[in-house]
Structure formats: C-alpha cells, structure tokens
Amino acid sequence: MVSVGNRQSYMEVTGFSSEVREQFYKVASVNLCSNISGQILASLVMSPPKVGDESYDAYFCERDGILKSLARRAKMRN
C-alpha cells in the first residue's frame, strides 16, 4: 500500500562543524523520500503488466478476483 500525504518539517543545525552539519542534513533528507520498496511498489502500481508480459494473466486474474470479492462484500453491507 502506498501512502500519500503532505509532510513538513523544519530543522536548524548550529554550533557544529560543516562536516557534522552535512551529516545531520544527510540523515534528515532520507526521510523526505519514500524508501526503495515504496518507490518500486508505486512504479508497479502505475504500470501494470501488458499483454504478452509473463505475469499478465496472473496479475489480471488476481486483480479481478480481489475486485469481485470487494464488490460481493459491499453488497452484503447494504
């Protein structure tokens, strides 16, 4: 699952050498982007398999099964 949101922060580093300050900023910047697995997942969601791809049939079979299950459960709630 990919979570989309707006994150904001502020950081000021004073009283440290430039080398230490650079390391603080490096560590802080890691949290600005999603991790590698999140980026891969987002890429896969945005570009599903195409006709002829090895995983095409399995992907759409699984996707359709999930959508049918969700539709069935939605009807049960009404």
PDB file of N, CA and C in Angstrom:
ATOM      1  N   MET A   1       0.846  -1.166   0.000  1.00  0.00           N
ATOM      2  CA  MET A   1       0.000   0.000   0.000  1.00  0.00           C
ATOM      3  C   MET A   1       0.896   1.236   0.000  1.00  0.00           C
ATOM      4  N   VAL A   2       0.522   2.175  -0.811  1.00  0.00           N
ATOM      5  CA  VAL A   2       1.286   3.416  -0.886  1.00  0.00           C
ATOM      6  C   VAL A   2       0.502   4.492  -0.161  1.00  0.00           C
ATOM      7  N   SER A   3       1.144   5.151   0.742  1.00  0.00           N
ATOM      8  CA  SER A   3       0.508   6.225   1.495  1.00  0.00           C
ATOM      9  C   SER A   3       0.919   7.559   0.892  1.00  0.00           C
ATOM     10  N   VAL A   4      -0.083   8.387   0.595  1.00  0.00           N
ATOM     11  CA  VAL A   4       0.192   9.706   0.037  1.00  0.00           C
ATOM     12  C   VAL A   4      -0.187  10.737   1.088  1.00  0.00           C
ATOM     13  N   GLY A   5       0.667  11.680   1.313  1.00  0.00           N
ATOM     14  CA  GLY A   5       0.376  12.696   2.312  1.00  0.00           C
ATOM     15  C   GLY A   5       1.304  13.872   2.172  1.00  0.00           C
ATOM     16  N   ASN A   6       1.092  14.845   2.992  1.00  0.00           N
ATOM     17  CA  ASN A   6       1.911  16.053   2.982  1.00  0.00           C
ATOM     18  C   ASN A   6       2.689  16.088   4.283  1.00  0.00           C
ATOM     19  N   ARG A   7       4.003  16.017   4.170  1.00  0.00           N
ATOM     20  CA  ARG A   7       4.841  16.060   5.363  1.00  0.00           C
ATOM     21  C   ARG A   7       5.678  17.326   5.309  1.00  0.00           C
ATOM     22  N   GLN A   8       5.765  17.983   6.426  1.00  0.00           N
ATOM     23  CA  GLN A   8       6.583  19.184   6.506  1.00  0.00           C
ATOM     24  C   GLN A   8       7.410  19.132   7.778  1.00  0.00           C
ATOM     25  N   SER A   9       8.566  19.732   7.706  1.00  0.00           N
ATOM     26  CA  SER A   9       9.401  19.808   8.899  1.00  0.00           C
ATOM     27  C   SER A   9      10.365  20.971   8.756  1.00  0.00           C
ATOM     28  N   TYR A  10      10.989  21.298   9.866  1.00  0.00           N
ATOM     29  CA  TYR A  10      11.980  22.369   9.881  1.00  0.00           C
ATOM     30  C   TYR A  10      13.132  21.901  10.748  1.00  0.00           C
ATOM     31  N   MET A  11      14.333  22.176  10.287  1.00  0.00           N
ATOM     32  CA  MET A  11      15.496  21.777  11.067  1.00  0.00           C
ATOM     33  C   MET A  11      16.574  22.835  10.908  1.00  0.00           C
ATOM     34  N   GLU A  12      17.131  23.239  12.020  1.00  0.00           N
ATOM     35  CA  GLU A  12      18.245  24.188  12.002  1.00  0.00           C
ATOM     36  C   GLU A  12      19.359  23.603  12.842  1.00  0.00           C
ATOM     37  N   VAL A  13      20.537  23.507  12.275  1.00  0.00           N
ATOM     38  CA  VAL A  13      21.686  22.939  12.971  1.00  0.00           C
ATOM     39  C   VAL A  13      22.716  24.044  13.141  1.00  0.00           C
ATOM     40  N   THR A  14      23.009  24.375  14.390  1.00  0.00           N
ATOM     41  CA  THR A  14      24.002  25.420  14.669  1.00  0.00           C
ATOM     42  C   THR A  14      25.011  24.907  15.680  1.00  0.00           C
ATOM     43  N   GLY A  15      26.189  25.498  15.658  1.00  0.00           N
ATOM     44  CA  GLY A  15      27.212  25.156  16.643  1.00  0.00           C
ATOM     45  C   GLY A  15      27.986  23.892  16.330  1.00  0.00           C
ATOM     46  N   PHE A  16      27.871  23.380  15.114  1.00  0.00           N
ATOM     47  CA  PHE A  16      28.605  22.183  14.714  1.00  0.00           C
ATOM     48  C   PHE A  16      29.502  22.517  13.528  1.00  0.00           C
ATOM     49  N   SER A  17      30.501  21.719  13.320  1.00  0.00           N
ATOM     50  CA  SER A  17      31.371  21.922  12.154  1.00  0.00           C
ATOM     51  C   SER A  17      30.569  21.622  10.880  1.00  0.00           C
ATOM     52  N   SER A  18      31.049  22.092   9.757  1.00  0.00           N
ATOM     53  CA  SER A  18      30.340  21.872   8.499  1.00  0.00           C
ATOM     54  C   SER A  18      30.223  20.385   8.171  1.00  0.00           C
ATOM     55  N   GLU A  19      31.234  19.594   8.533  1.00  0.00           N
ATOM     56  CA  GLU A  19      31.174  18.152   8.277  1.00  0.00           C
ATOM     57  C   GLU A  19      30.042  17.489   9.069  1.00  0.00           C
ATOM     58  N   VAL A  20      29.925  17.855  10.339  1.00  0.00           N
ATOM     59  CA  VAL A  20      28.862  17.295  11.180  1.00  0.00           C
ATOM     60  C   VAL A  20      27.505  17.779  10.680  1.00  0.00           C
ATOM     61  N   ARG A  21      27.404  19.053  10.340  1.00  0.00           N
ATOM     62  CA  ARG A  21      26.151  19.624   9.839  1.00  0.00           C
ATOM     63  C   ARG A  21      25.707  18.903   8.558  1.00  0.00           C
ATOM     64  N   GLU A  22      26.633  18.600   7.662  1.00  0.00           N
ATOM     65  CA  GLU A  22      26.314  17.875   6.431  1.00  0.00           C
ATOM     66  C   GLU A  22      25.749  16.495   6.729  1.00  0.00           C
ATOM     67  N   GLN A  23      26.294  15.832   7.752  1.00  0.00           N
ATOM     68  CA  GLN A  23      25.788  14.507   8.121  1.00  0.00           C
ATOM     69  C   GLN A  23      24.372  14.600   8.695  1.00  0.00           C
ATOM     70  N   PHE A  24      24.103  15.633   9.500  1.00  0.00           N
ATOM     71  CA  PHE A  24      22.742  15.849  10.016  1.00  0.00           C
ATOM     72  C   PHE A  24      21.763  16.004   8.858  1.00  0.00           C
ATOM     73  N   TYR A  25      22.110  16.837   7.899  1.00  0.00           N
ATOM     74  CA  TYR A  25      21.227  17.086   6.767  1.00  0.00           C
ATOM     75  C   TYR A  25      21.044  15.832   5.915  1.00  0.00           C
ATOM     76  N   LYS A  26      22.106  15.046   5.785  1.00  0.00           N
ATOM     77  CA  LYS A  26      22.009  13.809   5.015  1.00  0.00           C
ATOM     78  C   LYS A  26      21.004  12.857   5.670  1.00  0.00           C
ATOM     79  N   VAL A  27      21.113  12.689   6.977  1.00  0.00           N
ATOM     80  CA  VAL A  27      20.193  11.802   7.702  1.00  0.00           C
ATOM     81  C   VAL A  27      18.762  12.338   7.625  1.00  0.00           C
ATOM     82  N   ALA A  28      18.592  13.655   7.772  1.00  0.00           N
ATOM     83  CA  ALA A  28      17.253  14.240   7.711  1.00  0.00           C
ATOM     84  C   ALA A  28      16.650  14.081   6.322  1.00  0.00           C
ATOM     85  N   SER A  29      17.445  14.199   5.272  1.00  0.00           N
ATOM     86  CA  SER A  29      16.912  14.133   3.913  1.00  0.00           C
ATOM     87  C   SER A  29      16.449  12.732   3.534  1.00  0.00           C
ATOM     88  N   VAL A  30      16.938  11.701   4.214  1.00  0.00           N
ATOM     89  CA  VAL A  30      16.496  10.340   3.935  1.00  0.00           C
ATOM     90  C   VAL A  30      14.986  10.222   4.142  1.00  0.00           C
ATOM     91  N   ASN A  31      14.446  10.941   5.089  1.00  0.00           N
ATOM     92  CA  ASN A  31      13.019  10.868   5.392  1.00  0.00           C
ATOM     93  C   ASN A  31      12.161  11.679   4.440  1.00  0.00           C
ATOM     94  N   LEU A  32      12.759  12.391   3.517  1.00  0.00           N
ATOM     95  CA  LEU A  32      11.982  13.211   2.591  1.00  0.00           C
ATOM     96  C   LEU A  32      11.384  12.389   1.457  1.00  0.00           C
ATOM     97  N   CYS A  33      11.960  11.254   1.143  1.00  0.00           N
ATOM     98  CA  CYS A  33      11.508  10.412   0.038  1.00  0.00           C
ATOM     99  C   CYS A  33      11.079   9.056   0.586  1.00  0.00           C
ATOM    100  N   SER A  34      10.191   8.400  -0.171  1.00  0.00           N
ATOM    101  CA  SER A  34       9.808   7.060   0.256  1.00  0.00           C
ATOM    102  C   SER A  34      10.997   6.122   0.096  1.00  0.00           C
ATOM    103  N   ASN A  35      10.961   5.026   0.831  1.00  0.00           N
ATOM    104  CA  ASN A  35      12.061   4.069   0.752  1.00  0.00           C
ATOM    105  C   ASN A  35      12.027   3.337  -0.587  1.00  0.00           C
ATOM    106  N   ILE A  36      13.052   2.569  -0.839  1.00  0.00           N
ATOM    107  CA  ILE A  36      13.186   1.883  -2.130  1.00  0.00           C
ATOM    108  C   ILE A  36      11.996   0.973  -2.408  1.00  0.00           C
ATOM    109  N   SER A  37      11.581   0.187  -1.421  1.00  0.00           N
ATOM    110  CA  SER A  37      10.445  -0.718  -1.661  1.00  0.00           C
ATOM    111  C   SER A  37       9.174   0.072  -1.964  1.00  0.00           C
ATOM    112  N   GLY A  38       8.991   1.227  -1.325  1.00  0.00           N
ATOM    113  CA  GLY A  38       7.837   2.073  -1.623  1.00  0.00           C
ATOM    114  C   GLY A  38       7.884   2.630  -3.037  1.00  0.00           C
ATOM    115  N   GLN A  39       9.066   3.000  -3.496  1.00  0.00           N
ATOM    116  CA  GLN A  39       9.211   3.500  -4.859  1.00  0.00           C
ATOM    117  C   GLN A  39       8.955   2.403  -5.883  1.00  0.00           C
ATOM    118  N   ILE A  40       9.429   1.197  -5.605  1.00  0.00           N
ATOM    119  CA  ILE A  40       9.200   0.072  -6.520  1.00  0.00           C
ATOM    120  C   ILE A  40       7.714  -0.247  -6.579  1.00  0.00           C
ATOM    121  N   LEU A  41       7.066  -0.291  -5.431  1.00  0.00           N
ATOM    122  CA  LEU A  41       5.634  -0.580  -5.386  1.00  0.00           C
ATOM    123  C   LEU A  41       4.839   0.466  -6.158  1.00  0.00           C
ATOM    124  N   ALA A  42       5.156   1.740  -5.972  1.00  0.00           N
ATOM    125  CA  ALA A  42       4.451   2.796  -6.692  1.00  0.00           C
ATOM    126  C   ALA A  42       4.648   2.639  -8.195  1.00  0.00           C
ATOM    127  N   SER A  43       5.851   2.288  -8.611  1.00  0.00           N
ATOM    128  CA  SER A  43       6.135   2.076 -10.026  1.00  0.00           C
ATOM    129  C   SER A  43       5.307   0.920 -10.578  1.00  0.00           C
ATOM    130  N   LEU A  44       5.205  -0.173  -9.827  1.00  0.00           N
ATOM    131  CA  LEU A  44       4.427  -1.329 -10.280  1.00  0.00           C
ATOM    132  C   LEU A  44       2.939  -1.013 -10.361  1.00  0.00           C
ATOM    133  N   VAL A  45       2.437  -0.259  -9.406  1.00  0.00           N
ATOM    134  CA  VAL A  45       1.022   0.099  -9.406  1.00  0.00           C
ATOM    135  C   VAL A  45       0.694   0.990 -10.605  1.00  0.00           C
ATOM    136  N   MET A  46       1.614   1.871 -10.933  1.00  0.00           N
ATOM    137  CA  MET A  46       1.373   2.813 -12.022  1.00  0.00           C
ATOM    138  C   MET A  46       1.590   2.192 -13.409  1.00  0.00           C
ATOM    139  N   SER A  47       2.225   1.052 -13.489  1.00  0.00           N
ATOM    140  CA  SER A  47       2.460   0.410 -14.793  1.00  0.00           C
ATOM    141  C   SER A  47       2.263  -1.100 -14.667  1.00  0.00           C
ATOM    142  N   PRO A  48       0.992  -1.558 -14.681  1.00  0.00           N
ATOM    143  CA  PRO A  48       0.733  -2.994 -14.555  1.00  0.00           C
ATOM    144  C   PRO A  48       1.244  -3.743 -15.786  1.00  0.00           C
ATOM    145  N   PRO A  49       1.307  -5.073 -15.714  1.00  0.00           N
ATOM    146  CA  PRO A  49       1.784  -5.858 -16.851  1.00  0.00           C
ATOM    147  C   PRO A  49       0.943  -5.602 -18.103  1.00  0.00           C
ATOM    148  N   LYS A  50       1.582  -5.712 -19.242  1.00  0.00           N
ATOM    149  CA  LYS A  50       0.910  -5.513 -20.523  1.00  0.00           C
ATOM    150  C   LYS A  50       0.725  -6.857 -21.220  1.00  0.00           C
ATOM    151  N   VAL A  51      -0.185  -6.887 -22.202  1.00  0.00           N
ATOM    152  CA  VAL A  51      -0.429  -8.107 -22.957  1.00  0.00           C
ATOM    153  C   VAL A  51       0.909  -8.642 -23.477  1.00  0.00           C
ATOM    154  N   GLY A  52       1.131  -9.907 -23.245  1.00  0.00           N
ATOM    155  CA  GLY A  52       2.374 -10.538 -23.676  1.00  0.00           C
ATOM    156  C   GLY A  52       3.403 -10.659 -22.568  1.00  0.00           C
ATOM    157  N   ASP A  53       3.265  -9.862 -21.496  1.00  0.00           N
ATOM    158  CA  ASP A  53       4.186  -9.988 -20.361  1.00  0.00           C
ATOM    159  C   ASP A  53       3.938 -11.322 -19.659  1.00  0.00           C
ATOM    160  N   GLU A  54       4.981 -11.882 -19.086  1.00  0.00           N
ATOM    161  CA  GLU A  54       4.889 -13.192 -18.434  1.00  0.00           C
ATOM    162  C   GLU A  54       3.854 -13.195 -17.300  1.00  0.00           C
ATOM    163  N   SER A  55       3.745 -12.111 -16.578  1.00  0.00           N
ATOM    164  CA  SER A  55       2.851 -12.068 -15.415  1.00  0.00           C
ATOM    165  C   SER A  55       1.465 -11.496 -15.734  1.00  0.00           C
ATOM    166  N   TYR A  56       1.186 -11.222 -17.008  1.00  0.00           N
ATOM    167  CA  TYR A  56      -0.089 -10.582 -17.392  1.00  0.00           C
ATOM    168  C   TYR A  56      -1.303 -11.369 -16.891  1.00  0.00           C
ATOM    169  N   ASP A  57      -1.396 -12.652 -17.247  1.00  0.00           N
ATOM    170  CA  ASP A  57      -2.570 -13.459 -16.886  1.00  0.00           C
ATOM    171  C   ASP A  57      -2.737 -13.564 -15.372  1.00  0.00           C
ATOM    172  N   ALA A  58      -1.647 -13.848 -14.663  1.00  0.00           N
ATOM    173  CA  ALA A  58      -1.723 -13.990 -13.205  1.00  0.00           C
ATOM    174  C   ALA A  58      -2.144 -12.684 -12.550  1.00  0.00           C
ATOM    175  N   TYR A  59      -1.583 -11.566 -13.028  1.00  0.00           N
ATOM    176  CA  TYR A  59      -1.902 -10.263 -12.447  1.00  0.00           C
ATOM    177  C   TYR A  59      -3.396  -9.956 -12.578  1.00  0.00           C
ATOM    178  N   PHE A  60      -3.933 -10.084 -13.798  1.00  0.00           N
ATOM    179  CA  PHE A  60      -5.326  -9.712 -14.006  1.00  0.00           C
ATOM    180  C   PHE A  60      -6.294 -10.708 -13.372  1.00  0.00           C
ATOM    181  N   CYS A  61      -5.901 -11.971 -13.289  1.00  0.00           N
ATOM    182  CA  CYS A  61      -6.728 -12.958 -12.589  1.00  0.00           C
ATOM    183  C   CYS A  61      -6.821 -12.593 -11.106  1.00  0.00           C
ATOM    184  N   GLU A  62      -5.685 -12.279 -10.506  1.00  0.00           N
ATOM    185  CA  GLU A  62      -5.682 -11.907  -9.086  1.00  0.00           C
ATOM    186  C   GLU A  62      -6.426 -10.591  -8.867  1.00  0.00           C
ATOM    187  N   ARG A  63      -6.173  -9.605  -9.727  1.00  0.00           N
ATOM    188  CA  ARG A  63      -6.840  -8.307  -9.595  1.00  0.00           C
ATOM    189  C   ARG A  63      -8.360  -8.453  -9.704  1.00  0.00           C
ATOM    190  N   ASP A  64      -8.824  -9.199 -10.713  1.00  0.00           N
ATOM    191  CA  ASP A  64     -10.264  -9.375 -10.896  1.00  0.00           C
ATOM    192  C   ASP A  64     -10.886 -10.127  -9.719  1.00  0.00           C
ATOM    193  N   GLY A  65     -10.165 -11.113  -9.179  1.00  0.00           N
ATOM    194  CA  GLY A  65     -10.663 -11.834  -8.010  1.00  0.00           C
ATOM    195  C   GLY A  65     -10.826 -10.915  -6.808  1.00  0.00           C
ATOM    196  N   ILE A  66      -9.870 -10.041  -6.603  1.00  0.00           N
ATOM    197  CA  ILE A  66      -9.947  -9.087  -5.478  1.00  0.00           C
ATOM    198  C   ILE A  66     -11.111  -8.126  -5.679  1.00  0.00           C
ATOM    199  N   LEU A  67     -11.251  -7.594  -6.885  1.00  0.00           N
ATOM    200  CA  LEU A  67     -12.339  -6.641  -7.158  1.00  0.00           C
ATOM    201  C   LEU A  67     -13.710  -7.301  -7.006  1.00  0.00           C
ATOM    202  N   LYS A  68     -13.853  -8.551  -7.461  1.00  0.00           N
ATOM    203  CA  LYS A  68     -15.127  -9.272  -7.302  1.00  0.00           C
ATOM    204  C   LYS A  68     -15.436  -9.515  -5.832  1.00  0.00           C
ATOM    205  N   SER A  69     -14.410  -9.869  -5.071  1.00  0.00           N
ATOM    206  CA  SER A  69     -14.600 -10.090  -3.638  1.00  0.00           C
ATOM    207  C   SER A  69     -15.031  -8.807  -2.928  1.00  0.00           C
ATOM    208  N   LEU A  70     -14.399  -7.703  -3.291  1.00  0.00           N
ATOM    209  CA  LEU A  70     -14.788  -6.418  -2.687  1.00  0.00           C
ATOM    210  C   LEU A  70     -16.208  -6.036  -3.057  1.00  0.00           C
ATOM    211  N   ALA A  71     -16.589  -6.265  -4.317  1.00  0.00           N
ATOM    212  CA  ALA A  71     -17.956  -5.944  -4.755  1.00  0.00           C
ATOM    213  C   ALA A  71     -18.971  -6.809  -4.020  1.00  0.00           C
ATOM    214  N   ARG A  72     -18.678  -8.094  -3.851  1.00  0.00           N
ATOM    215  CA  ARG A  72     -19.573  -9.007  -3.137  1.00  0.00           C
ATOM    216  C   ARG A  72     -19.749  -8.559  -1.682  1.00  0.00           C
ATOM    217  N   ARG A  73     -18.638  -8.199  -1.038  1.00  0.00           N
ATOM    218  CA  ARG A  73     -18.730  -7.755   0.357  1.00  0.00           C
ATOM    219  C   ARG A  73     -19.459  -6.420   0.488  1.00  0.00           C
ATOM    220  N   ALA A  74     -19.313  -5.566  -0.496  1.00  0.00           N
ATOM    221  CA  ALA A  74     -20.011  -4.277  -0.465  1.00  0.00           C
ATOM    222  C   ALA A  74     -21.509  -4.486  -0.549  1.00  0.00           C
ATOM    223  N   LYS A  75     -21.947  -5.462  -1.353  1.00  0.00           N
ATOM    224  CA  LYS A  75     -23.372  -5.758  -1.463  1.00  0.00           C
ATOM    225  C   LYS A  75     -23.918  -6.318  -0.159  1.00  0.00           C
ATOM    226  N   MET A  76     -23.108  -7.094   0.560  1.00  0.00           N
ATOM    227  CA  MET A  76     -23.552  -7.667   1.821  1.00  0.00           C
ATOM    228  C   MET A  76     -23.800  -6.590   2.872  1.00  0.00           C
ATOM    229  N   ARG A  77     -23.105  -5.471   2.769  1.00  0.00           N
ATOM    230  CA  ARG A  77     -23.264  -4.401   3.761  1.00  0.00           C
ATOM    231  C   ARG A  77     -24.537  -3.600   3.539  1.00  0.00           C
ATOM    232  N   ASN A  78     -25.105  -3.667   2.333  1.00  0.00           N
ATOM    233  CA  ASN A  78     -26.323  -2.874   2.034  1.00  0.00           C
ATOM    234  C   ASN A  78     -27.556  -3.574   2.452  1.00  0.00           C
TER     235      ASN A  78
END
